[in-house]
């Protein structure tokens, strides 16, 4: 079917090419048509039709394309006033990917517990307890968050330290939960998995960083909204996580 063809073509593109494709589609107005395409997948009752339900991977891939289009359009605009946002989101992606690899691949469970403890305490002195290869990553995260806090305080007269520290702690704790499940081993229930997965996939911290580093004025009510992990962040992050899981599942 058409969506399978789209899925195969997207798989052949590297991430930068995918973002360029989305940007081009957005400029051509394709984003407006995503909702119409989704509606074409529904039957008369409003549910997804049988032909679509049989191709879960394709649906999630298309949903990811839609979410990325929305993300690029909302947070990583090509307009000059968003240069700071693009710069720091790019830094955040690289740093968070590194930390994610430590939790997923390189760290032993005792080492990961130490790393999470250091992030939770948010104390530079806690770095002493870490193995040498983790110290650089912790220090990079610590310095990056402080750099963003300093810039926002200077440019916008807003203190976002508590918000950014909170989402960083939540990310680390969610990653540790998954590490414990793997090492024990423990098979979580679906609800346990999903309630943790949307945080460990880093959706909340990326959304928060994107908002804070944008050119818009920072409002306290918006920070509280982001800290509450609203449905728009929870479900888009969940969709992204499920799509990511499909890449490593045995099918």
C-alpha atoms as a PDB file:
ATOM      1  CA  UNK A   1       0.000   0.000   0.000  1.00  0.00           C
ATOM      2  CA  UNK A   2       1.041   3.660  -0.361  1.00  0.00           C
ATOM      3  CA  UNK A   3       1.981   4.087   3.273  1.00  0.00           C
ATOM      4  CA  UNK A   4       4.280   1.057   3.120  1.00  0.00           C
ATOM      5  CA  UNK A   5       6.068   2.672   0.201  1.00  0.00           C
ATOM      6  CA  UNK A   6       6.442   5.855   2.218  1.00  0.00           C
ATOM      7  CA  UNK A   7       7.786   3.893   5.168  1.00  0.00           C
ATOM      8  CA  UNK A   8      10.407   2.145   3.018  1.00  0.00           C
ATOM      9  CA  UNK A   9      11.509   5.402   1.440  1.00  0.00           C
ATOM     10  CA  UNK A  10      11.862   7.093   4.827  1.00  0.00           C
ATOM     11  CA  UNK A  11      13.947   4.198   6.139  1.00  0.00           C
ATOM     12  CA  UNK A  12      16.449   4.839   3.346  1.00  0.00           C
ATOM     13  CA  UNK A  13      16.973   8.470   4.375  1.00  0.00           C
ATOM     14  CA  UNK A  14      19.413   9.568   7.041  1.00  0.00           C
ATOM     15  CA  UNK A  15      18.012  11.779   9.867  1.00  0.00           C
ATOM     16  CA  UNK A  16      19.158  15.047   8.282  1.00  0.00           C
ATOM     17  CA  UNK A  17      17.541  14.120   4.974  1.00  0.00           C
ATOM     18  CA  UNK A  18      14.336  13.210   6.814  1.00  0.00           C
ATOM     19  CA  UNK A  19      14.268  16.623   8.492  1.00  0.00           C
ATOM     20  CA  UNK A  20      14.935  18.305   5.149  1.00  0.00           C
ATOM     21  CA  UNK A  21      12.069  16.349   3.599  1.00  0.00           C
ATOM     22  CA  UNK A  22       9.730  17.390   6.387  1.00  0.00           C
ATOM     23  CA  UNK A  23      10.831  21.006   6.048  1.00  0.00           C
ATOM     24  CA  UNK A  24      10.132  20.935   2.322  1.00  0.00           C
ATOM     25  CA  UNK A  25       6.726  19.360   2.864  1.00  0.00           C
ATOM     26  CA  UNK A  26       5.895  21.995   5.443  1.00  0.00           C
ATOM     27  CA  UNK A  27       6.855  24.808   3.083  1.00  0.00           C
ATOM     28  CA  UNK A  28       4.650  23.314   0.385  1.00  0.00           C
ATOM     29  CA  UNK A  29       1.726  23.167   2.795  1.00  0.00           C
ATOM     30  CA  UNK A  30       1.753  19.383   3.179  1.00  0.00           C
ATOM     31  CA  UNK A  31       1.390  19.691   6.943  1.00  0.00           C
ATOM     32  CA  UNK A  32      -2.115  20.976   6.398  1.00  0.00           C
ATOM     33  CA  UNK A  33      -3.028  17.744   4.623  1.00  0.00           C
ATOM     34  CA  UNK A  34      -1.832  15.314   7.302  1.00  0.00           C
ATOM     35  CA  UNK A  35      -5.173  15.483   9.072  1.00  0.00           C
ATOM     36  CA  UNK A  36      -6.999  14.777   5.809  1.00  0.00           C
ATOM     37  CA  UNK A  37      -4.762  11.761   5.167  1.00  0.00           C
ATOM     38  CA  UNK A  38      -5.460  10.412   8.648  1.00  0.00           C
ATOM     39  CA  UNK A  39      -9.188  10.795   8.025  1.00  0.00           C
ATOM     40  CA  UNK A  40      -8.855   8.660   4.898  1.00  0.00           C
ATOM     41  CA  UNK A  41      -7.658   5.794   7.109  1.00  0.00           C
ATOM     42  CA  UNK A  42     -10.906   5.729   9.094  1.00  0.00           C
ATOM     43  CA  UNK A  43     -14.051   3.717   8.380  1.00  0.00           C
ATOM     44  CA  UNK A  44     -17.636   4.927   8.706  1.00  0.00           C
ATOM     45  CA  UNK A  45     -17.609   4.421  12.494  1.00  0.00           C
ATOM     46  CA  UNK A  46     -14.560   6.645  12.962  1.00  0.00           C
ATOM     47  CA  UNK A  47     -12.223   3.758  13.793  1.00  0.00           C
ATOM     48  CA  UNK A  48      -9.151   2.850  11.777  1.00  0.00           C
ATOM     49  CA  UNK A  49     -10.119   0.569   8.924  1.00  0.00           C
ATOM     50  CA  UNK A  50      -9.028  -3.078   8.892  1.00  0.00           C
ATOM     51  CA  UNK A  51      -6.455  -2.554   6.119  1.00  0.00           C
ATOM     52  CA  UNK A  52      -4.725   0.065   8.250  1.00  0.00           C
ATOM     53  CA  UNK A  53      -4.875  -1.848  11.518  1.00  0.00           C
ATOM     54  CA  UNK A  54      -2.961  -4.710   9.888  1.00  0.00           C
ATOM     55  CA  UNK A  55       0.015  -2.414   9.260  1.00  0.00           C
ATOM     56  CA  UNK A  56       0.867  -1.006  12.693  1.00  0.00           C
ATOM     57  CA  UNK A  57       4.474  -0.173  11.848  1.00  0.00           C
ATOM     58  CA  UNK A  58       3.433   1.934   8.879  1.00  0.00           C
ATOM     59  CA  UNK A  59       0.856   3.829  10.919  1.00  0.00           C
ATOM     60  CA  UNK A  60       3.393   4.614  13.644  1.00  0.00           C
ATOM     61  CA  UNK A  61       5.937   5.660  11.029  1.00  0.00           C
ATOM     62  CA  UNK A  62       3.428   8.019   9.465  1.00  0.00           C
ATOM     63  CA  UNK A  63       2.478   9.317  12.905  1.00  0.00           C
ATOM     64  CA  UNK A  64       6.155   9.940  13.600  1.00  0.00           C
ATOM     65  CA  UNK A  65       6.437  11.890  10.350  1.00  0.00           C
ATOM     66  CA  UNK A  66       3.477  13.985  11.432  1.00  0.00           C
ATOM     67  CA  UNK A  67       4.949  14.573  14.909  1.00  0.00           C
ATOM     68  CA  UNK A  68       8.313  15.534  13.443  1.00  0.00           C
ATOM     69  CA  UNK A  69       6.631  17.931  11.050  1.00  0.00           C
ATOM     70  CA  UNK A  70       4.775  19.512  13.963  1.00  0.00           C
ATOM     71  CA  UNK A  71       7.977  19.590  16.021  1.00  0.00           C
ATOM     72  CA  UNK A  72      10.020  21.243  13.272  1.00  0.00           C
ATOM     73  CA  UNK A  73       7.250  23.715  12.501  1.00  0.00           C
ATOM     74  CA  UNK A  74       6.711  24.620  16.156  1.00  0.00           C
ATOM     75  CA  UNK A  75      10.170  24.506  17.709  1.00  0.00           C
ATOM     76  CA  UNK A  76      12.918  24.384  15.083  1.00  0.00           C
ATOM     77  CA  UNK A  77      11.742  27.013  12.652  1.00  0.00           C
ATOM     78  CA  UNK A  78      14.198  28.199  10.018  1.00  0.00           C
ATOM     79  CA  UNK A  79      13.463  31.832  10.908  1.00  0.00           C
ATOM     80  CA  UNK A  80      16.463  33.854  12.194  1.00  0.00           C
ATOM     81  CA  UNK A  81      14.959  34.691  15.585  1.00  0.00           C
ATOM     82  CA  UNK A  82      14.955  30.979  16.439  1.00  0.00           C
ATOM     83  CA  UNK A  83      18.696  30.486  15.917  1.00  0.00           C
ATOM     84  CA  UNK A  84      19.290  30.111  19.657  1.00  0.00           C
ATOM     85  CA  UNK A  85      16.578  27.468  19.856  1.00  0.00           C
ATOM     86  CA  UNK A  86      18.090  25.473  16.989  1.00  0.00           C
ATOM     87  CA  UNK A  87      21.550  25.687  18.531  1.00  0.00           C
ATOM     88  CA  UNK A  88      20.556  24.461  21.961  1.00  0.00           C
ATOM     89  CA  UNK A  89      18.117  21.821  20.780  1.00  0.00           C
ATOM     90  CA  UNK A  90      20.928  20.397  18.626  1.00  0.00           C
ATOM     91  CA  UNK A  91      23.243  20.371  21.655  1.00  0.00           C
ATOM     92  CA  UNK A  92      20.547  18.747  23.754  1.00  0.00           C
ATOM     93  CA  UNK A  93      19.913  15.989  21.197  1.00  0.00           C
ATOM     94  CA  UNK A  94      23.618  15.112  21.042  1.00  0.00           C
ATOM     95  CA  UNK A  95      24.050  15.149  24.821  1.00  0.00           C
ATOM     96  CA  UNK A  96      20.866  13.246  25.629  1.00  0.00           C
ATOM     97  CA  UNK A  97      21.700  10.627  22.998  1.00  0.00           C
ATOM     98  CA  UNK A  98      25.055  10.089  24.699  1.00  0.00           C
ATOM     99  CA  UNK A  99      23.448   9.713  28.129  1.00  0.00           C
ATOM    100  CA  UNK A 100      20.808   7.386  26.697  1.00  0.00           C
ATOM    101  CA  UNK A 101      23.568   5.146  25.308  1.00  0.00           C
ATOM    102  CA  UNK A 102      25.211   4.999  28.724  1.00  0.00           C
ATOM    103  CA  UNK A 103      21.974   3.774  30.287  1.00  0.00           C
ATOM    104  CA  UNK A 104      21.164   1.380  27.453  1.00  0.00           C
ATOM    105  CA  UNK A 105      24.565  -0.046  26.570  1.00  0.00           C
ATOM    106  CA  UNK A 106      27.623   0.919  28.546  1.00  0.00           C
ATOM    107  CA  UNK A 107      26.720   1.202  32.224  1.00  0.00           C
ATOM    108  CA  UNK A 108      26.404  -1.591  34.732  1.00  0.00           C
ATOM    109  CA  UNK A 109      23.417  -1.327  37.052  1.00  0.00           C
ATOM    110  CA  UNK A 110      25.507  -0.186  40.076  1.00  0.00           C
ATOM    111  CA  UNK A 111      27.184   2.475  37.899  1.00  0.00           C
ATOM    112  CA  UNK A 112      23.827   3.670  36.568  1.00  0.00           C
ATOM    113  CA  UNK A 113      22.466   3.936  40.094  1.00  0.00           C
ATOM    114  CA  UNK A 114      25.412   6.202  40.938  1.00  0.00           C
ATOM    115  CA  UNK A 115      24.829   8.342  37.861  1.00  0.00           C
ATOM    116  CA  UNK A 116      21.138   8.737  38.647  1.00  0.00           C
ATOM    117  CA  UNK A 117      21.964   9.602  42.249  1.00  0.00           C
ATOM    118  CA  UNK A 118      24.354  12.313  41.041  1.00  0.00           C
ATOM    119  CA  UNK A 119      21.759  13.792  38.676  1.00  0.00           C
ATOM    120  CA  UNK A 120      19.045  13.608  41.342  1.00  0.00           C
ATOM    121  CA  UNK A 121      21.253  15.393  43.882  1.00  0.00           C
ATOM    122  CA  UNK A 122      22.335  17.893  41.201  1.00  0.00           C
ATOM    123  CA  UNK A 123      25.556  18.539  43.056  1.00  0.00           C
ATOM    124  CA  UNK A 124      28.874  18.846  41.250  1.00  0.00           C
ATOM    125  CA  UNK A 125      30.541  17.104  44.207  1.00  0.00           C
ATOM    126  CA  UNK A 126      28.525  13.980  43.415  1.00  0.00           C
ATOM    127  CA  UNK A 127      30.671  13.539  40.308  1.00  0.00           C
ATOM    128  CA  UNK A 128      33.454  12.127  42.521  1.00  0.00           C
ATOM    129  CA  UNK A 129      31.530   8.880  43.026  1.00  0.00           C
ATOM    130  CA  UNK A 130      31.223   8.183  39.297  1.00  0.00           C
ATOM    131  CA  UNK A 131      33.485   5.982  37.175  1.00  0.00           C
ATOM    132  CA  UNK A 132      35.782   8.036  34.979  1.00  0.00           C
ATOM    133  CA  UNK A 133      33.852   7.523  31.725  1.00  0.00           C
ATOM    134  CA  UNK A 134      30.652   8.837  33.341  1.00  0.00           C
ATOM    135  CA  UNK A 135      32.185  11.967  34.834  1.00  0.00           C
ATOM    136  CA  UNK A 136      32.472  13.751  31.500  1.00  0.00           C
ATOM    137  CA  UNK A 137      28.844  13.003  30.595  1.00  0.00           C
ATOM    138  CA  UNK A 138      27.509  14.149  33.961  1.00  0.00           C
ATOM    139  CA  UNK A 139      29.607  17.316  33.842  1.00  0.00           C
ATOM    140  CA  UNK A 140      28.427  18.028  30.293  1.00  0.00           C
ATOM    141  CA  UNK A 141      24.780  17.725  31.333  1.00  0.00           C
ATOM    142  CA  UNK A 142      25.371  19.810  34.457  1.00  0.00           C
ATOM    143  CA  UNK A 143      27.140  22.562  32.500  1.00  0.00           C
ATOM    144  CA  UNK A 144      24.640  22.512  29.643  1.00  0.00           C
ATOM    145  CA  UNK A 145      21.646  23.017  31.925  1.00  0.00           C
ATOM    146  CA  UNK A 146      23.453  25.782  33.807  1.00  0.00           C
ATOM    147  CA  UNK A 147      24.381  27.413  30.503  1.00  0.00           C
ATOM    148  CA  UNK A 148      20.751  27.479  29.393  1.00  0.00           C
ATOM    149  CA  UNK A 149      19.634  28.783  32.802  1.00  0.00           C
ATOM    150  CA  UNK A 150      22.219  31.573  32.682  1.00  0.00           C
ATOM    151  CA  UNK A 151      21.291  32.585  29.142  1.00  0.00           C
ATOM    152  CA  UNK A 152      17.553  32.671  29.865  1.00  0.00           C
ATOM    153  CA  UNK A 153      18.070  34.627  33.086  1.00  0.00           C
ATOM    154  CA  UNK A 154      20.233  37.146  31.244  1.00  0.00           C
ATOM    155  CA  UNK A 155      18.098  37.511  28.117  1.00  0.00           C
ATOM    156  CA  UNK A 156      14.584  37.022  29.472  1.00  0.00           C
ATOM    157  CA  UNK A 157      14.925  37.703  33.195  1.00  0.00           C
ATOM    158  CA  UNK A 158      13.345  34.339  33.991  1.00  0.00           C
ATOM    159  CA  UNK A 159      14.735  31.659  36.305  1.00  0.00           C
ATOM    160  CA  UNK A 160      14.089  28.244  34.762  1.00  0.00           C
ATOM    161  CA  UNK A 161      16.592  26.291  36.853  1.00  0.00           C
ATOM    162  CA  UNK A 162      14.041  24.331  38.883  1.00  0.00           C
ATOM    163  CA  UNK A 163      12.094  23.292  35.785  1.00  0.00           C
ATOM    164  CA  UNK A 164      15.150  22.102  33.861  1.00  0.00           C
ATOM    165  CA  UNK A 165      16.619  20.282  36.850  1.00  0.00           C
ATOM    166  CA  UNK A 166      13.289  18.552  37.450  1.00  0.00           C
ATOM    167  CA  UNK A 167      12.939  17.254  33.873  1.00  0.00           C
ATOM    168  CA  UNK A 168      16.597  16.132  33.937  1.00  0.00           C
ATOM    169  CA  UNK A 169      15.981  14.161  37.126  1.00  0.00           C
ATOM    170  CA  UNK A 170      12.814  12.625  35.713  1.00  0.00           C
ATOM    171  CA  UNK A 171      14.683  11.524  32.593  1.00  0.00           C
ATOM    172  CA  UNK A 172      17.481   9.893  34.611  1.00  0.00           C
ATOM    173  CA  UNK A 173      15.081   8.142  36.967  1.00  0.00           C
ATOM    174  CA  UNK A 174      13.024   6.778  34.071  1.00  0.00           C
ATOM    175  CA  UNK A 175      16.178   5.487  32.392  1.00  0.00           C
ATOM    176  CA  UNK A 176      17.229   3.796  35.638  1.00  0.00           C
ATOM    177  CA  UNK A 177      13.844   2.139  35.991  1.00  0.00           C
ATOM    178  CA  UNK A 178      14.282   0.520  32.580  1.00  0.00           C
ATOM    179  CA  UNK A 179      17.822  -0.521  33.463  1.00  0.00           C
ATOM    180  CA  UNK A 180      16.557  -2.238  36.609  1.00  0.00           C
ATOM    181  CA  UNK A 181      13.890  -4.059  34.622  1.00  0.00           C
ATOM    182  CA  UNK A 182      16.545  -5.323  32.242  1.00  0.00           C
ATOM    183  CA  UNK A 183      19.125  -6.378  34.822  1.00  0.00           C
ATOM    184  CA  UNK A 184      16.852  -8.018  37.413  1.00  0.00           C
ATOM    185  CA  UNK A 185      15.176  -9.147  35.026  1.00  0.00           C
ATOM    186  CA  UNK A 186      11.604  -7.951  35.396  1.00  0.00           C
ATOM    187  CA  UNK A 187       8.882  -7.834  32.755  1.00  0.00           C
ATOM    188  CA  UNK A 188       6.740  -4.753  33.411  1.00  0.00           C
ATOM    189  CA  UNK A 189       3.050  -4.594  32.709  1.00  0.00           C
ATOM    190  CA  UNK A 190       1.998  -2.593  29.679  1.00  0.00           C
ATOM    191  CA  UNK A 191       0.829   0.272  31.889  1.00  0.00           C
ATOM    192  CA  UNK A 192       4.094   0.273  33.833  1.00  0.00           C
ATOM    193  CA  UNK A 193       6.061   0.313  30.623  1.00  0.00           C
ATOM    194  CA  UNK A 194       4.085   3.084  28.915  1.00  0.00           C
ATOM    195  CA  UNK A 195       3.977   5.312  32.007  1.00  0.00           C
ATOM    196  CA  UNK A 196       7.761   5.207  32.124  1.00  0.00           C
ATOM    197  CA  UNK A 197       8.582   5.010  28.413  1.00  0.00           C
ATOM    198  CA  UNK A 198       7.269   8.420  27.381  1.00  0.00           C
ATOM    199  CA  UNK A 199       9.679  10.015  29.880  1.00  0.00           C
ATOM    200  CA  UNK A 200      12.690   7.812  29.124  1.00  0.00           C
ATOM    201  CA  UNK A 201      12.376   8.579  25.411  1.00  0.00           C
ATOM    202  CA  UNK A 202      13.148  12.199  26.462  1.00  0.00           C
ATOM    203  CA  UNK A 203      10.023  13.806  25.018  1.00  0.00           C
ATOM    204  CA  UNK A 204       9.280  15.944  28.111  1.00  0.00           C
ATOM    205  CA  UNK A 205      12.822  17.300  28.496  1.00  0.00           C
ATOM    206  CA  UNK A 206      13.105  18.082  24.778  1.00  0.00           C
ATOM    207  CA  UNK A 207       9.744  19.868  24.729  1.00  0.00           C
ATOM    208  CA  UNK A 208      10.741  21.884  27.794  1.00  0.00           C
ATOM    209  CA  UNK A 209      14.142  22.841  26.372  1.00  0.00           C
ATOM    210  CA  UNK A 210      12.535  23.805  23.069  1.00  0.00           C
ATOM    211  CA  UNK A 211       9.988  26.056  24.740  1.00  0.00           C
ATOM    212  CA  UNK A 212      12.501  27.684  27.063  1.00  0.00           C
ATOM    213  CA  UNK A 213      15.030  28.379  24.328  1.00  0.00           C
ATOM    214  CA  UNK A 214      12.472  29.776  21.868  1.00  0.00           C
ATOM    215  CA  UNK A 215      12.071  33.473  21.177  1.00  0.00           C
ATOM    216  CA  UNK A 216       8.755  33.630  23.031  1.00  0.00           C
ATOM    217  CA  UNK A 217       8.356  35.193  26.454  1.00  0.00           C
ATOM    218  CA  UNK A 218       8.522  32.569  29.211  1.00  0.00           C
ATOM    219  CA  UNK A 219       5.406  32.365  31.349  1.00  0.00           C
ATOM    220  CA  UNK A 220       5.223  30.661  34.730  1.00  0.00           C
ATOM    221  CA  UNK A 221       1.925  29.012  33.841  1.00  0.00           C
ATOM    222  CA  UNK A 222       3.555  27.478  30.757  1.00  0.00           C
ATOM    223  CA  UNK A 223       6.389  26.044  32.841  1.00  0.00           C
ATOM    224  CA  UNK A 224       3.868  24.496  35.222  1.00  0.00           C
ATOM    225  CA  UNK A 225       1.988  23.096  32.244  1.00  0.00           C
ATOM    226  CA  UNK A 226       5.132  21.464  30.881  1.00  0.00           C
ATOM    227  CA  UNK A 227       6.102  20.077  34.286  1.00  0.00           C
ATOM    228  CA  UNK A 228       2.695  18.369  34.510  1.00  0.00           C
ATOM    229  CA  UNK A 229       3.507  16.222  31.446  1.00  0.00           C
ATOM    230  CA  UNK A 230       0.308  17.126  29.569  1.00  0.00           C
ATOM    231  CA  UNK A 231      -1.328  14.698  27.175  1.00  0.00           C
ATOM    232  CA  UNK A 232       0.059  16.433  24.075  1.00  0.00           C
ATOM    233  CA  UNK A 233       3.584  15.611  25.268  1.00  0.00           C
ATOM    234  CA  UNK A 234       2.751  12.245  26.795  1.00  0.00           C
ATOM    235  CA  UNK A 235       1.017  10.747  23.777  1.00  0.00           C
ATOM    236  CA  UNK A 236       3.328  12.156  21.106  1.00  0.00           C
ATOM    237  CA  UNK A 237       6.304  10.874  23.139  1.00  0.00           C
ATOM    238  CA  UNK A 238       4.608   7.501  23.523  1.00  0.00           C
ATOM    239  CA  UNK A 239       4.061   7.258  19.762  1.00  0.00           C
ATOM    240  CA  UNK A 240       7.697   8.122  19.153  1.00  0.00           C
ATOM    241  CA  UNK A 241       8.836   5.525  21.690  1.00  0.00           C
ATOM    242  CA  UNK A 242       6.714   2.776  20.146  1.00  0.00           C
ATOM    243  CA  UNK A 243       8.102   3.610  16.728  1.00  0.00           C
ATOM    244  CA  UNK A 244      11.624   3.471  18.161  1.00  0.00           C
ATOM    245  CA  UNK A 245      10.902   0.106  19.767  1.00  0.00           C
ATOM    246  CA  UNK A 246       9.759  -1.322  16.455  1.00  0.00           C
ATOM    247  CA  UNK A 247      13.267  -0.747  15.133  1.00  0.00           C
ATOM    248  CA  UNK A 248      14.741  -3.201  17.663  1.00  0.00           C
ATOM    249  CA  UNK A 249      11.851  -5.629  18.086  1.00  0.00           C
ATOM    250  CA  UNK A 250      12.109  -9.166  16.636  1.00  0.00           C
ATOM    251  CA  UNK A 251       8.891  -8.437  14.690  1.00  0.00           C
END
